[in-house]
Protein backbone atom coordinates (compact mmCIF):
# COMPACT_ATOMS: atom_id res chain seq x y z
CA UNK A 1 0.00 0.00 0.00
CA UNK A 2 2.84 2.39 0.76
CA UNK A 3 4.28 1.93 -2.73
CA UNK A 4 0.90 2.76 -4.29
CA UNK A 5 0.64 5.98 -2.24
CA UNK A 6 4.12 7.04 -3.32
CA UNK A 7 3.19 6.36 -6.94
CA UNK A 8 -0.03 8.37 -6.66
CA UNK A 9 1.82 11.24 -4.97
CA UNK A 10 4.51 11.20 -7.66
CA UNK A 11 1.84 11.17 -10.39
CA UNK A 12 0.01 14.10 -8.79
CA UNK A 13 3.28 16.00 -8.41
CA UNK A 14 4.12 15.33 -12.07
CA UNK A 15 0.74 16.70 -13.17
CA UNK A 16 1.20 19.79 -11.01
CA UNK A 17 4.69 20.39 -12.39
CA UNK A 18 3.46 19.93 -15.97
CA UNK A 19 0.69 22.46 -15.37
CA UNK A 20 3.19 24.88 -13.85
CA UNK A 21 5.51 24.40 -16.82
CA UNK A 22 2.69 25.08 -19.28
CA UNK A 23 1.72 28.27 -17.43
CA UNK A 24 5.35 29.38 -17.22
CA UNK A 25 5.81 28.81 -20.96
CA UNK A 26 2.63 30.84 -21.67
CA UNK A 27 3.88 33.67 -19.47
CA UNK A 28 7.28 33.57 -21.18
CA UNK A 29 5.69 33.90 -24.62
CA UNK A 30 3.52 36.77 -23.36
CA UNK A 31 6.56 38.52 -21.90
CA UNK A 32 8.53 38.02 -25.13
CA UNK A 33 5.68 39.63 -27.09
CA UNK A 34 5.66 42.59 -24.70
CA UNK A 35 9.43 42.88 -25.05
CA UNK A 36 9.21 42.80 -28.86
CA UNK A 37 6.53 45.52 -28.83
CA UNK A 38 8.60 47.71 -26.50
CA UNK A 39 11.69 47.22 -28.66
CA UNK A 40 9.72 48.39 -31.72
CA UNK A 41 8.41 51.38 -29.78
CA UNK A 42 11.91 52.32 -28.60
CA UNK A 43 13.20 52.13 -32.17
CA UNK A 44 10.40 54.42 -33.36
CA UNK A 45 10.95 56.88 -30.52
CA UNK A 46 14.67 57.05 -31.29
CA UNK A 47 13.68 58.00 -34.83
CA UNK A 48 11.37 60.73 -33.56
CA UNK A 49 14.13 62.13 -31.38
CA UNK A 50 16.41 62.39 -34.42
CA UNK A 51 13.72 64.07 -36.51
CA UNK A 52 14.82 67.50 -37.75
CA UNK A 53 12.61 70.43 -36.79
CA UNK A 54 11.22 70.91 -40.29
CA UNK A 55 10.27 67.23 -40.64
CA UNK A 56 7.16 65.52 -39.23
CA UNK A 57 6.97 61.95 -37.96
CA UNK A 58 3.87 59.81 -38.54
CA UNK A 59 3.53 56.04 -38.00
CA UNK A 60 7.17 55.17 -38.63
CA UNK A 61 7.69 57.58 -41.53
CA UNK A 62 9.19 61.06 -41.73
CA UNK A 63 7.58 63.77 -43.85
CA UNK A 64 8.85 67.14 -45.03
CA UNK A 65 6.19 69.61 -46.13
CA UNK A 66 7.44 72.31 -48.43
CA UNK A 67 5.63 75.58 -49.02
CA UNK A 68 7.64 76.23 -52.18
CA UNK A 69 5.64 76.20 -55.41
CA UNK A 70 7.17 73.67 -57.79
CA UNK A 71 5.99 71.45 -60.60
CA UNK A 72 5.93 67.68 -60.12
CA UNK A 73 9.44 67.10 -61.52
CA UNK A 74 10.98 69.87 -59.40
CA UNK A 75 9.17 68.53 -56.33
CA UNK A 76 10.40 65.00 -56.97
CA UNK A 77 13.98 66.24 -57.46
CA UNK A 78 13.79 68.26 -54.24
CA UNK A 79 12.66 65.15 -52.36
CA UNK A 80 15.50 63.08 -53.81
CA UNK A 81 17.98 65.79 -52.80
CA UNK A 82 16.67 65.53 -49.23
CA UNK A 83 17.01 61.74 -49.33
CA UNK A 84 13.31 61.04 -49.71
CA UNK A 85 10.56 60.42 -52.22
CA UNK A 86 7.54 62.35 -53.36
CA UNK A 87 4.48 60.71 -51.74
CA UNK A 88 0.73 60.77 -51.92
CA UNK A 89 -0.91 61.83 -48.66
CA UNK A 90 -3.75 59.39 -47.93
CA UNK A 91 -5.31 60.83 -44.78
CA UNK A 92 -5.86 64.05 -42.89
CA UNK A 93 -3.81 62.64 -39.97
CA UNK A 94 -0.85 62.16 -42.30
CA UNK A 95 -0.86 65.89 -43.07
CA UNK A 96 -0.51 67.00 -39.44
PDB file of N, CA and C in Angstrom:
ATOM      1  N   UNK A   1       0.802  -1.194   0.000  1.00  0.00           N
ATOM      2  CA  UNK A   1       0.000   0.000   0.000  1.00  0.00           C
ATOM      3  C   UNK A   1       0.848   1.262   0.000  1.00  0.00           C
ATOM      4  N   UNK A   2       1.960   1.236   0.688  1.00  0.00           N
ATOM      5  CA  UNK A   2       2.840   2.392   0.757  1.00  0.00           C
ATOM      6  C   UNK A   2       3.404   2.732  -0.621  1.00  0.00           C
ATOM      7  N   UNK A   3       3.743   1.724  -1.387  1.00  0.00           N
ATOM      8  CA  UNK A   3       4.276   1.932  -2.730  1.00  0.00           C
ATOM      9  C   UNK A   3       3.229   2.588  -3.627  1.00  0.00           C
ATOM     10  N   UNK A   4       1.984   2.184  -3.501  1.00  0.00           N
ATOM     11  CA  UNK A   4       0.895   2.763  -4.293  1.00  0.00           C
ATOM     12  C   UNK A   4       0.703   4.242  -3.941  1.00  0.00           C
ATOM     13  N   UNK A   5       0.768   4.588  -2.671  1.00  0.00           N
ATOM     14  CA  UNK A   5       0.636   5.985  -2.241  1.00  0.00           C
ATOM     15  C   UNK A   5       1.769   6.832  -2.805  1.00  0.00           C
ATOM     16  N   UNK A   6       2.970   6.304  -2.766  1.00  0.00           N
ATOM     17  CA  UNK A   6       4.118   7.035  -3.321  1.00  0.00           C
ATOM     18  C   UNK A   6       3.946   7.250  -4.823  1.00  0.00           C
ATOM     19  N   UNK A   7       3.438   6.233  -5.499  1.00  0.00           N
ATOM     20  CA  UNK A   7       3.190   6.355  -6.941  1.00  0.00           C
ATOM     21  C   UNK A   7       2.130   7.419  -7.211  1.00  0.00           C
ATOM     22  N   UNK A   8       1.043   7.385  -6.486  1.00  0.00           N
ATOM     23  CA  UNK A   8      -0.033   8.368  -6.659  1.00  0.00           C
ATOM     24  C   UNK A   8       0.463   9.782  -6.363  1.00  0.00           C
ATOM     25  N   UNK A   9       1.253   9.929  -5.304  1.00  0.00           N
ATOM     26  CA  UNK A   9       1.818  11.242  -4.970  1.00  0.00           C
ATOM     27  C   UNK A   9       2.755  11.734  -6.074  1.00  0.00           C
ATOM     28  N   UNK A  10       3.584  10.822  -6.583  1.00  0.00           N
ATOM     29  CA  UNK A  10       4.509  11.196  -7.660  1.00  0.00           C
ATOM     30  C   UNK A  10       3.741  11.582  -8.921  1.00  0.00           C
ATOM     31  N   UNK A  11       2.672  10.859  -9.225  1.00  0.00           N
ATOM     32  CA  UNK A  11       1.839  11.169 -10.392  1.00  0.00           C
ATOM     33  C   UNK A  11       1.176  12.539 -10.225  1.00  0.00           C
ATOM     34  N   UNK A  12       0.643  12.798  -9.052  1.00  0.00           N
ATOM     35  CA  UNK A  12       0.010  14.097  -8.788  1.00  0.00           C
ATOM     36  C   UNK A  12       1.032  15.222  -8.881  1.00  0.00           C
ATOM     37  N   UNK A  13       2.215  14.992  -8.347  1.00  0.00           N
ATOM     38  CA  UNK A  13       3.279  15.997  -8.406  1.00  0.00           C
ATOM     39  C   UNK A  13       3.688  16.250  -9.858  1.00  0.00           C
ATOM     40  N   UNK A  14       3.762  15.192 -10.653  1.00  0.00           N
ATOM     41  CA  UNK A  14       4.116  15.332 -12.069  1.00  0.00           C
ATOM     42  C   UNK A  14       3.078  16.178 -12.795  1.00  0.00           C
ATOM     43  N   UNK A  15       1.812  15.917 -12.537  1.00  0.00           N
ATOM     44  CA  UNK A  15       0.737  16.703 -13.173  1.00  0.00           C
ATOM     45  C   UNK A  15       0.818  18.176 -12.760  1.00  0.00           C
ATOM     46  N   UNK A  16       1.067  18.412 -11.492  1.00  0.00           N
ATOM     47  CA  UNK A  16       1.200  19.791 -11.005  1.00  0.00           C
ATOM     48  C   UNK A  16       2.381  20.484 -11.673  1.00  0.00           C
ATOM     49  N   UNK A  17       3.500  19.800 -11.759  1.00  0.00           N
ATOM     50  CA  UNK A  17       4.691  20.386 -12.387  1.00  0.00           C
ATOM     51  C   UNK A  17       4.466  20.646 -13.872  1.00  0.00           C
ATOM     52  N   UNK A  18       3.769  19.723 -14.546  1.00  0.00           N
ATOM     53  CA  UNK A  18       3.463  19.925 -15.967  1.00  0.00           C
ATOM     54  C   UNK A  18       2.561  21.138 -16.159  1.00  0.00           C
ATOM     55  N   UNK A  19       1.576  21.294 -15.289  1.00  0.00           N
ATOM     56  CA  UNK A  19       0.686  22.457 -15.367  1.00  0.00           C
ATOM     57  C   UNK A  19       1.467  23.743 -15.111  1.00  0.00           C
ATOM     58  N   UNK A  20       2.357  23.710 -14.131  1.00  0.00           N
ATOM     59  CA  UNK A  20       3.191  24.883 -13.846  1.00  0.00           C
ATOM     60  C   UNK A  20       4.092  25.213 -15.028  1.00  0.00           C
ATOM     61  N   UNK A  21       4.646  24.182 -15.659  1.00  0.00           N
ATOM     62  CA  UNK A  21       5.508  24.397 -16.818  1.00  0.00           C
ATOM     63  C   UNK A  21       4.729  25.028 -17.962  1.00  0.00           C
ATOM     64  N   UNK A  22       3.532  24.524 -18.219  1.00  0.00           N
ATOM     65  CA  UNK A  22       2.688  25.077 -19.281  1.00  0.00           C
ATOM     66  C   UNK A  22       2.379  26.549 -19.013  1.00  0.00           C
ATOM     67  N   UNK A  23       2.026  26.874 -17.791  1.00  0.00           N
ATOM     68  CA  UNK A  23       1.723  28.268 -17.426  1.00  0.00           C
ATOM     69  C   UNK A  23       2.966  29.141 -17.544  1.00  0.00           C
ATOM     70  N   UNK A  24       4.101  28.625 -17.119  1.00  0.00           N
ATOM     71  CA  UNK A  24       5.354  29.382 -17.217  1.00  0.00           C
ATOM     72  C   UNK A  24       5.720  29.634 -18.673  1.00  0.00           C
ATOM     73  N   UNK A  25       5.530  28.639 -19.528  1.00  0.00           N
ATOM     74  CA  UNK A  25       5.808  28.814 -20.959  1.00  0.00           C
ATOM     75  C   UNK A  25       4.883  29.860 -21.565  1.00  0.00           C
ATOM     76  N   UNK A  26       3.593  29.841 -21.175  1.00  0.00           N
ATOM     77  CA  UNK A  26       2.635  30.836 -21.665  1.00  0.00           C
ATOM     78  C   UNK A  26       3.050  32.240 -21.238  1.00  0.00           C
ATOM     79  N   UNK A  27       3.450  32.366 -19.986  1.00  0.00           N
ATOM     80  CA  UNK A  27       3.882  33.668 -19.471  1.00  0.00           C
ATOM     81  C   UNK A  27       5.155  34.139 -20.167  1.00  0.00           C
ATOM     82  N   UNK A  28       6.044  33.218 -20.481  1.00  0.00           N
ATOM     83  CA  UNK A  28       7.281  33.565 -21.179  1.00  0.00           C
ATOM     84  C   UNK A  28       6.983  34.094 -22.580  1.00  0.00           C
ATOM     85  N   UNK A  29       6.075  33.441 -23.287  1.00  0.00           N
ATOM     86  CA  UNK A  29       5.685  33.899 -24.623  1.00  0.00           C
ATOM     87  C   UNK A  29       5.048  35.281 -24.537  1.00  0.00           C
ATOM     88  N   UNK A  30       4.173  35.469 -23.556  1.00  0.00           N
ATOM     89  CA  UNK A  30       3.521  36.769 -23.358  1.00  0.00           C
ATOM     90  C   UNK A  30       4.559  37.859 -23.073  1.00  0.00           C
ATOM     91  N   UNK A  31       5.513  37.552 -22.235  1.00  0.00           N
ATOM     92  CA  UNK A  31       6.562  38.519 -21.896  1.00  0.00           C
ATOM     93  C   UNK A  31       7.435  38.827 -23.108  1.00  0.00           C
ATOM     94  N   UNK A  32       7.731  37.809 -23.918  1.00  0.00           N
ATOM     95  CA  UNK A  32       8.525  38.022 -25.129  1.00  0.00           C
ATOM     96  C   UNK A  32       7.784  38.946 -26.091  1.00  0.00           C
ATOM     97  N   UNK A  33       6.473  38.749 -26.231  1.00  0.00           N
ATOM     98  CA  UNK A  33       5.677  39.626 -27.088  1.00  0.00           C
ATOM     99  C   UNK A  33       5.709  41.065 -26.582  1.00  0.00           C
ATOM    100  N   UNK A  34       5.576  41.238 -25.276  1.00  0.00           N
ATOM    101  CA  UNK A  34       5.665  42.593 -24.701  1.00  0.00           C
ATOM    102  C   UNK A  34       7.028  43.211 -24.990  1.00  0.00           C
ATOM    103  N   UNK A  35       8.071  42.404 -24.807  1.00  0.00           N
ATOM    104  CA  UNK A  35       9.432  42.880 -25.049  1.00  0.00           C
ATOM    105  C   UNK A  35       9.612  43.288 -26.511  1.00  0.00           C
ATOM    106  N   UNK A  36       9.107  42.471 -27.433  1.00  0.00           N
ATOM    107  CA  UNK A  36       9.207  42.795 -28.859  1.00  0.00           C
ATOM    108  C   UNK A  36       8.490  44.106 -29.170  1.00  0.00           C
ATOM    109  N   UNK A  37       7.291  44.285 -28.600  1.00  0.00           N
ATOM    110  CA  UNK A  37       6.534  45.521 -28.829  1.00  0.00           C
ATOM    111  C   UNK A  37       7.271  46.735 -28.268  1.00  0.00           C
ATOM    112  N   UNK A  38       7.853  46.594 -27.090  1.00  0.00           N
ATOM    113  CA  UNK A  38       8.601  47.706 -26.498  1.00  0.00           C
ATOM    114  C   UNK A  38       9.856  48.023 -27.306  1.00  0.00           C
ATOM    115  N   UNK A  39      10.510  47.000 -27.825  1.00  0.00           N
ATOM    116  CA  UNK A  39      11.694  47.219 -28.657  1.00  0.00           C
ATOM    117  C   UNK A  39      11.321  48.006 -29.909  1.00  0.00           C
ATOM    118  N   UNK A  40      10.194  47.651 -30.535  1.00  0.00           N
ATOM    119  CA  UNK A  40       9.724  48.391 -31.716  1.00  0.00           C
ATOM    120  C   UNK A  40       9.425  49.842 -31.349  1.00  0.00           C
ATOM    121  N   UNK A  41       8.766  50.032 -30.217  1.00  0.00           N
ATOM    122  CA  UNK A  41       8.410  51.385 -29.782  1.00  0.00           C
ATOM    123  C   UNK A  41       9.660  52.218 -29.498  1.00  0.00           C
ATOM    124  N   UNK A  42      10.650  51.615 -28.871  1.00  0.00           N
ATOM    125  CA  UNK A  42      11.912  52.320 -28.596  1.00  0.00           C
ATOM    126  C   UNK A  42      12.577  52.731 -29.895  1.00  0.00           C
ATOM    127  N   UNK A  43      12.601  51.829 -30.868  1.00  0.00           N
ATOM    128  CA  UNK A  43      13.201  52.134 -32.167  1.00  0.00           C
ATOM    129  C   UNK A  43      12.489  53.312 -32.821  1.00  0.00           C
ATOM    130  N   UNK A  44      11.159  53.307 -32.781  1.00  0.00           N
ATOM    131  CA  UNK A  44      10.399  54.417 -33.358  1.00  0.00           C
ATOM    132  C   UNK A  44      10.673  55.719 -32.619  1.00  0.00           C
ATOM    133  N   UNK A  45      10.715  55.662 -31.298  1.00  0.00           N
ATOM    134  CA  UNK A  45      10.953  56.877 -30.517  1.00  0.00           C
ATOM    135  C   UNK A  45      12.349  57.434 -30.749  1.00  0.00           C
ATOM    136  N   UNK A  46      13.327  56.571 -30.961  1.00  0.00           N
ATOM    137  CA  UNK A  46      14.672  57.049 -31.295  1.00  0.00           C
ATOM    138  C   UNK A  46      14.634  57.806 -32.611  1.00  0.00           C
ATOM    139  N   UNK A  47      13.838  57.311 -33.547  1.00  0.00           N
ATOM    140  CA  UNK A  47      13.682  57.998 -34.825  1.00  0.00           C
ATOM    141  C   UNK A  47      13.044  59.357 -34.661  1.00  0.00           C
ATOM    142  N   UNK A  48      12.041  59.450 -33.811  1.00  0.00           N
ATOM    143  CA  UNK A  48      11.368  60.725 -33.563  1.00  0.00           C
ATOM    144  C   UNK A  48      12.344  61.723 -32.957  1.00  0.00           C
ATOM    145  N   UNK A  49      13.159  61.252 -32.037  1.00  0.00           N
ATOM    146  CA  UNK A  49      14.126  62.133 -31.378  1.00  0.00           C
ATOM    147  C   UNK A  49      15.111  62.711 -32.392  1.00  0.00           C
ATOM    148  N   UNK A  50      15.454  61.938 -33.418  1.00  0.00           N
ATOM    149  CA  UNK A  50      16.414  62.391 -34.420  1.00  0.00           C
ATOM    150  C   UNK A  50      15.761  63.223 -35.520  1.00  0.00           C
ATOM    151  N   UNK A  51      14.465  63.362 -35.472  1.00  0.00           N
ATOM    152  CA  UNK A  51      13.723  64.068 -36.507  1.00  0.00           C
ATOM    153  C   UNK A  51      14.075  65.555 -36.487  1.00  0.00           C
ATOM    154  N   UNK A  52      14.493  66.075 -37.635  1.00  0.00           N
ATOM    155  CA  UNK A  52      14.819  67.499 -37.751  1.00  0.00           C
ATOM    156  C   UNK A  52      13.554  68.327 -37.524  1.00  0.00           C
ATOM    157  N   UNK A  53      13.738  69.569 -37.126  1.00  0.00           N
ATOM    158  CA  UNK A  53      12.606  70.430 -36.789  1.00  0.00           C
ATOM    159  C   UNK A  53      11.618  70.612 -37.936  1.00  0.00           C
ATOM    160  N   UNK A  54      12.115  70.657 -39.163  1.00  0.00           N
ATOM    161  CA  UNK A  54      11.216  70.912 -40.287  1.00  0.00           C
ATOM    162  C   UNK A  54      10.648  69.625 -40.895  1.00  0.00           C
ATOM    163  N   UNK A  55      10.832  68.502 -40.211  1.00  0.00           N
ATOM    164  CA  UNK A  55      10.274  67.225 -40.644  1.00  0.00           C
ATOM    165  C   UNK A  55       9.215  66.798 -39.628  1.00  0.00           C
ATOM    166  N   UNK A  56       8.221  66.053 -40.089  1.00  0.00           N
ATOM    167  CA  UNK A  56       7.163  65.524 -39.225  1.00  0.00           C
ATOM    168  C   UNK A  56       7.238  64.002 -39.243  1.00  0.00           C
ATOM    169  N   UNK A  57       6.946  63.401 -38.098  1.00  0.00           N
ATOM    170  CA  UNK A  57       6.972  61.945 -37.956  1.00  0.00           C
ATOM    171  C   UNK A  57       5.551  61.431 -37.831  1.00  0.00           C
ATOM    172  N   UNK A  58       5.202  60.402 -38.605  1.00  0.00           N
ATOM    173  CA  UNK A  58       3.870  59.814 -38.545  1.00  0.00           C
ATOM    174  C   UNK A  58       3.952  58.322 -38.836  1.00  0.00           C
ATOM    175  N   UNK A  59       3.599  57.496 -37.847  1.00  0.00           N
ATOM    176  CA  UNK A  59       3.533  56.038 -37.998  1.00  0.00           C
ATOM    177  C   UNK A  59       4.769  55.443 -38.664  1.00  0.00           C
ATOM    178  N   UNK A  60       5.931  55.783 -38.148  1.00  0.00           N
ATOM    179  CA  UNK A  60       7.166  55.172 -38.625  1.00  0.00           C
ATOM    180  C   UNK A  60       7.767  55.819 -39.854  1.00  0.00           C
ATOM    181  N   UNK A  61       7.196  56.917 -40.320  1.00  0.00           N
ATOM    182  CA  UNK A  61       7.688  57.578 -41.532  1.00  0.00           C
ATOM    183  C   UNK A  61       7.884  59.063 -41.261  1.00  0.00           C
ATOM    184  N   UNK A  62       8.915  59.636 -41.855  1.00  0.00           N
ATOM    185  CA  UNK A  62       9.191  61.060 -41.728  1.00  0.00           C
ATOM    186  C   UNK A  62       8.708  61.789 -42.973  1.00  0.00           C
ATOM    187  N   UNK A  63       8.111  62.966 -42.758  1.00  0.00           N
ATOM    188  CA  UNK A  63       7.584  63.774 -43.851  1.00  0.00           C
ATOM    189  C   UNK A  63       8.178  65.177 -43.777  1.00  0.00           C
ATOM    190  N   UNK A  64       8.429  65.742 -44.942  1.00  0.00           N
ATOM    191  CA  UNK A  64       8.848  67.139 -45.028  1.00  0.00           C
ATOM    192  C   UNK A  64       7.835  67.845 -45.915  1.00  0.00           C
ATOM    193  N   UNK A  65       7.185  68.863 -45.365  1.00  0.00           N
ATOM    194  CA  UNK A  65       6.194  69.613 -46.125  1.00  0.00           C
ATOM    195  C   UNK A  65       6.820  70.921 -46.577  1.00  0.00           C
ATOM    196  N   UNK A  66       6.864  71.092 -47.866  1.00  0.00           N
ATOM    197  CA  UNK A  66       7.439  72.310 -48.429  1.00  0.00           C
ATOM    198  C   UNK A  66       6.322  73.277 -48.793  1.00  0.00           C
ATOM    199  N   UNK A  67       6.586  74.552 -48.601  1.00  0.00           N
ATOM    200  CA  UNK A  67       5.626  75.579 -49.018  1.00  0.00           C
ATOM    201  C   UNK A  67       6.037  76.197 -50.346  1.00  0.00           C
ATOM    202  N   UNK A  68       7.171  75.723 -50.889  1.00  0.00           N
ATOM    203  CA  UNK A  68       7.639  76.226 -52.181  1.00  0.00           C
ATOM    204  C   UNK A  68       6.723  75.729 -53.294  1.00  0.00           C
ATOM    205  N   UNK A  69       6.453  76.612 -54.256  1.00  0.00           N
ATOM    206  CA  UNK A  69       5.645  76.203 -55.408  1.00  0.00           C
ATOM    207  C   UNK A  69       6.566  75.640 -56.478  1.00  0.00           C
ATOM    208  N   UNK A  70       6.353  74.355 -56.792  1.00  0.00           N
ATOM    209  CA  UNK A  70       7.174  73.665 -57.786  1.00  0.00           C
ATOM    210  C   UNK A  70       6.275  72.757 -58.602  1.00  0.00           C
ATOM    211  N   UNK A  71       6.734  72.449 -59.832  1.00  0.00           N
ATOM    212  CA  UNK A  71       5.995  71.455 -60.600  1.00  0.00           C
ATOM    213  C   UNK A  71       6.362  70.067 -60.073  1.00  0.00           C
ATOM    214  N   UNK A  72       5.732  69.032 -60.634  1.00  0.00           N
ATOM    215  CA  UNK A  72       5.929  67.680 -60.117  1.00  0.00           C
ATOM    216  C   UNK A  72       7.392  67.264 -60.200  1.00  0.00           C
ATOM    217  N   UNK A  73       8.044  67.515 -61.329  1.00  0.00           N
ATOM    218  CA  UNK A  73       9.441  67.104 -61.520  1.00  0.00           C
ATOM    219  C   UNK A  73      10.354  67.813 -60.528  1.00  0.00           C
ATOM    220  N   UNK A  74      10.157  69.116 -60.360  1.00  0.00           N
ATOM    221  CA  UNK A  74      10.976  69.865 -59.404  1.00  0.00           C
ATOM    222  C   UNK A  74      10.740  69.362 -57.970  1.00  0.00           C
ATOM    223  N   UNK A  75       9.498  69.048 -57.664  1.00  0.00           N
ATOM    224  CA  UNK A  75       9.173  68.532 -56.328  1.00  0.00           C
ATOM    225  C   UNK A  75       9.841  67.184 -56.093  1.00  0.00           C
ATOM    226  N   UNK A  76       9.767  66.318 -57.094  1.00  0.00           N
ATOM    227  CA  UNK A  76      10.405  65.005 -56.972  1.00  0.00           C
ATOM    228  C   UNK A  76      11.902  65.157 -56.777  1.00  0.00           C
ATOM    229  N   UNK A  77      12.544  66.021 -57.575  1.00  0.00           N
ATOM    230  CA  UNK A  77      13.985  66.236 -57.464  1.00  0.00           C
ATOM    231  C   UNK A  77      14.362  66.803 -56.094  1.00  0.00           C
ATOM    232  N   UNK A  78      13.531  67.701 -55.566  1.00  0.00           N
ATOM    233  CA  UNK A  78      13.794  68.260 -54.236  1.00  0.00           C
ATOM    234  C   UNK A  78      13.722  67.161 -53.173  1.00  0.00           C
ATOM    235  N   UNK A  79      12.773  66.266 -53.311  1.00  0.00           N
ATOM    236  CA  UNK A  79      12.656  65.145 -52.363  1.00  0.00           C
ATOM    237  C   UNK A  79      13.885  64.249 -52.431  1.00  0.00           C
ATOM    238  N   UNK A  80      14.326  63.938 -53.635  1.00  0.00           N
ATOM    239  CA  UNK A  80      15.504  63.079 -53.809  1.00  0.00           C
ATOM    240  C   UNK A  80      16.726  63.746 -53.194  1.00  0.00           C
ATOM    241  N   UNK A  81      16.856  65.051 -53.377  1.00  0.00           N
ATOM    242  CA  UNK A  81      17.978  65.792 -52.800  1.00  0.00           C
ATOM    243  C   UNK A  81      17.981  65.679 -51.271  1.00  0.00           C
ATOM    244  N   UNK A  82      16.791  65.654 -50.681  1.00  0.00           N
ATOM    245  CA  UNK A  82      16.665  65.533 -49.225  1.00  0.00           C
ATOM    246  C   UNK A  82      16.740  64.080 -48.752  1.00  0.00           C
ATOM    247  N   UNK A  83      16.913  63.151 -49.697  1.00  0.00           N
ATOM    248  CA  UNK A  83      17.010  61.736 -49.334  1.00  0.00           C
ATOM    249  C   UNK A  83      15.664  61.054 -49.203  1.00  0.00           C
ATOM    250  N   UNK A  84      14.649  61.610 -49.825  1.00  0.00           N
ATOM    251  CA  UNK A  84      13.309  61.036 -49.710  1.00  0.00           C
ATOM    252  C   UNK A  84      12.663  60.801 -51.055  1.00  0.00           C
ATOM    253  N   UNK A  85      11.353  60.657 -51.021  1.00  0.00           N
ATOM    254  CA  UNK A  85      10.562  60.419 -52.221  1.00  0.00           C
ATOM    255  C   UNK A  85       9.300  61.265 -52.143  1.00  0.00           C
ATOM    256  N   UNK A  86       8.808  61.651 -53.285  1.00  0.00           N
ATOM    257  CA  UNK A  86       7.537  62.347 -53.357  1.00  0.00           C
ATOM    258  C   UNK A  86       6.437  61.330 -53.046  1.00  0.00           C
ATOM    259  N   UNK A  87       5.511  61.671 -52.148  1.00  0.00           N
ATOM    260  CA  UNK A  87       4.481  60.710 -51.740  1.00  0.00           C
ATOM    261  C   UNK A  87       3.090  61.277 -51.950  1.00  0.00           C
ATOM    262  N   UNK A  88       2.134  60.382 -51.901  1.00  0.00           N
ATOM    263  CA  UNK A  88       0.728  60.766 -51.916  1.00  0.00           C
ATOM    264  C   UNK A  88       0.239  60.710 -50.471  1.00  0.00           C
ATOM    265  N   UNK A  89      -0.364  61.783 -50.013  1.00  0.00           N
ATOM    266  CA  UNK A  89      -0.915  61.827 -48.658  1.00  0.00           C
ATOM    267  C   UNK A  89      -2.300  61.192 -48.704  1.00  0.00           C
ATOM    268  N   UNK A  90      -2.510  60.159 -47.883  1.00  0.00           N
ATOM    269  CA  UNK A  90      -3.752  59.392 -47.932  1.00  0.00           C
ATOM    270  C   UNK A  90      -4.756  59.738 -46.845  1.00  0.00           C
ATOM    271  N   UNK A  91      -4.364  60.528 -45.856  1.00  0.00           N
ATOM    272  CA  UNK A  91      -5.305  60.833 -44.780  1.00  0.00           C
ATOM    273  C   UNK A  91      -5.012  62.214 -44.205  1.00  0.00           C
ATOM    274  N   UNK A  92      -6.014  62.760 -43.545  1.00  0.00           N
ATOM    275  CA  UNK A  92      -5.860  64.052 -42.888  1.00  0.00           C
ATOM    276  C   UNK A  92      -4.813  63.958 -41.780  1.00  0.00           C
ATOM    277  N   UNK A  93      -4.770  62.825 -41.060  1.00  0.00           N
ATOM    278  CA  UNK A  93      -3.810  62.639 -39.974  1.00  0.00           C
ATOM    279  C   UNK A  93      -2.380  62.685 -40.500  1.00  0.00           C
ATOM    280  N   UNK A  94      -2.181  62.185 -41.710  1.00  0.00           N
ATOM    281  CA  UNK A  94      -0.848  62.162 -42.299  1.00  0.00           C
ATOM    282  C   UNK A  94      -0.341  63.577 -42.580  1.00  0.00           C
ATOM    283  N   UNK A  95      -1.248  64.523 -42.731  1.00  0.00           N
ATOM    284  CA  UNK A  95      -0.861  65.892 -43.070  1.00  0.00           C
ATOM    285  C   UNK A  95      -0.492  66.720 -41.852  1.00  0.00           C
ATOM    286  N   UNK A  96      -0.743  66.220 -40.663  1.00  0.00           N
ATOM    287  CA  UNK A  96      -0.506  66.998 -39.436  1.00  0.00           C
ATOM    288  C   UNK A  96       0.957  67.056 -39.108  1.00  0.00           C
TER     289      UNK A  96
END
